[in-house]
Amino acid sequence: MTQEFTITKKVAKQGSNAIIILPKILQVKPNSLVELKIKVLNGGNQK
């Protein structure tokens, strides 16, 4: 069964990495295969 969601999130920072945290409501289990498409809506603070 394929489920499809659209979410808009800010990219967080963890150490030197930029990360996206998935909401718990999505209930994505470890080792699940997902397709992730990213569209940057604004540039944020670019260096």
Protein backbone atom coordinates (compact mmCIF):
# COMPACT_ATOMS: atom_id res chain seq x y z
CA MET A 1 0.00 0.00 0.00
CA THR A 2 1.43 3.37 -1.02
CA GLN A 3 0.73 6.39 1.14
CA GLU A 4 1.52 9.90 -0.03
CA PHE A 5 2.00 12.98 2.15
CA THR A 6 2.98 16.59 1.49
CA ILE A 7 4.66 18.40 4.37
CA THR A 8 6.40 21.76 4.58
CA LYS A 9 9.25 21.87 7.09
CA LYS A 10 12.14 24.10 8.04
CA VAL A 11 15.52 22.44 7.80
CA ALA A 12 17.02 22.04 11.27
CA LYS A 13 20.68 21.98 12.21
CA GLN A 14 22.27 19.18 14.21
CA GLY A 15 25.98 19.80 14.66
CA SER A 16 27.36 20.50 11.20
CA ASN A 17 24.50 18.67 9.45
CA ALA A 18 21.27 20.07 8.04
CA ILE A 19 18.40 17.70 8.85
CA ILE A 20 14.66 17.34 8.24
CA ILE A 21 12.69 15.78 11.07
CA LEU A 22 9.63 13.75 10.08
CA PRO A 23 6.49 14.23 12.17
CA LYS A 24 5.70 11.23 14.37
CA ILE A 25 2.20 11.06 12.87
CA LEU A 26 3.75 9.69 9.65
CA GLN A 27 4.85 6.60 11.59
CA VAL A 28 7.73 5.75 9.26
CA LYS A 29 9.38 2.64 10.69
CA PRO A 30 13.16 2.13 10.61
CA ASN A 31 14.35 0.36 7.45
CA SER A 32 11.28 1.60 5.52
CA LEU A 33 11.98 2.56 1.93
CA VAL A 34 10.72 6.07 1.15
CA GLU A 35 10.99 8.39 -1.83
CA LEU A 36 11.89 11.92 -0.78
CA LYS A 37 11.55 14.87 -3.14
CA ILE A 38 12.87 18.23 -1.94
CA LYS A 39 11.87 21.60 -3.35
CA VAL A 40 13.67 24.57 -1.76
CA LEU A 41 11.10 27.34 -1.31
CA ASN A 42 13.57 29.96 -0.11
CA GLY A 43 17.30 30.06 0.37
CA GLY A 44 17.42 30.71 4.12
CA ASN A 45 20.81 31.87 5.38
CA GLN A 46 23.30 30.93 2.71
CA LYS A 47 27.03 31.39 3.25
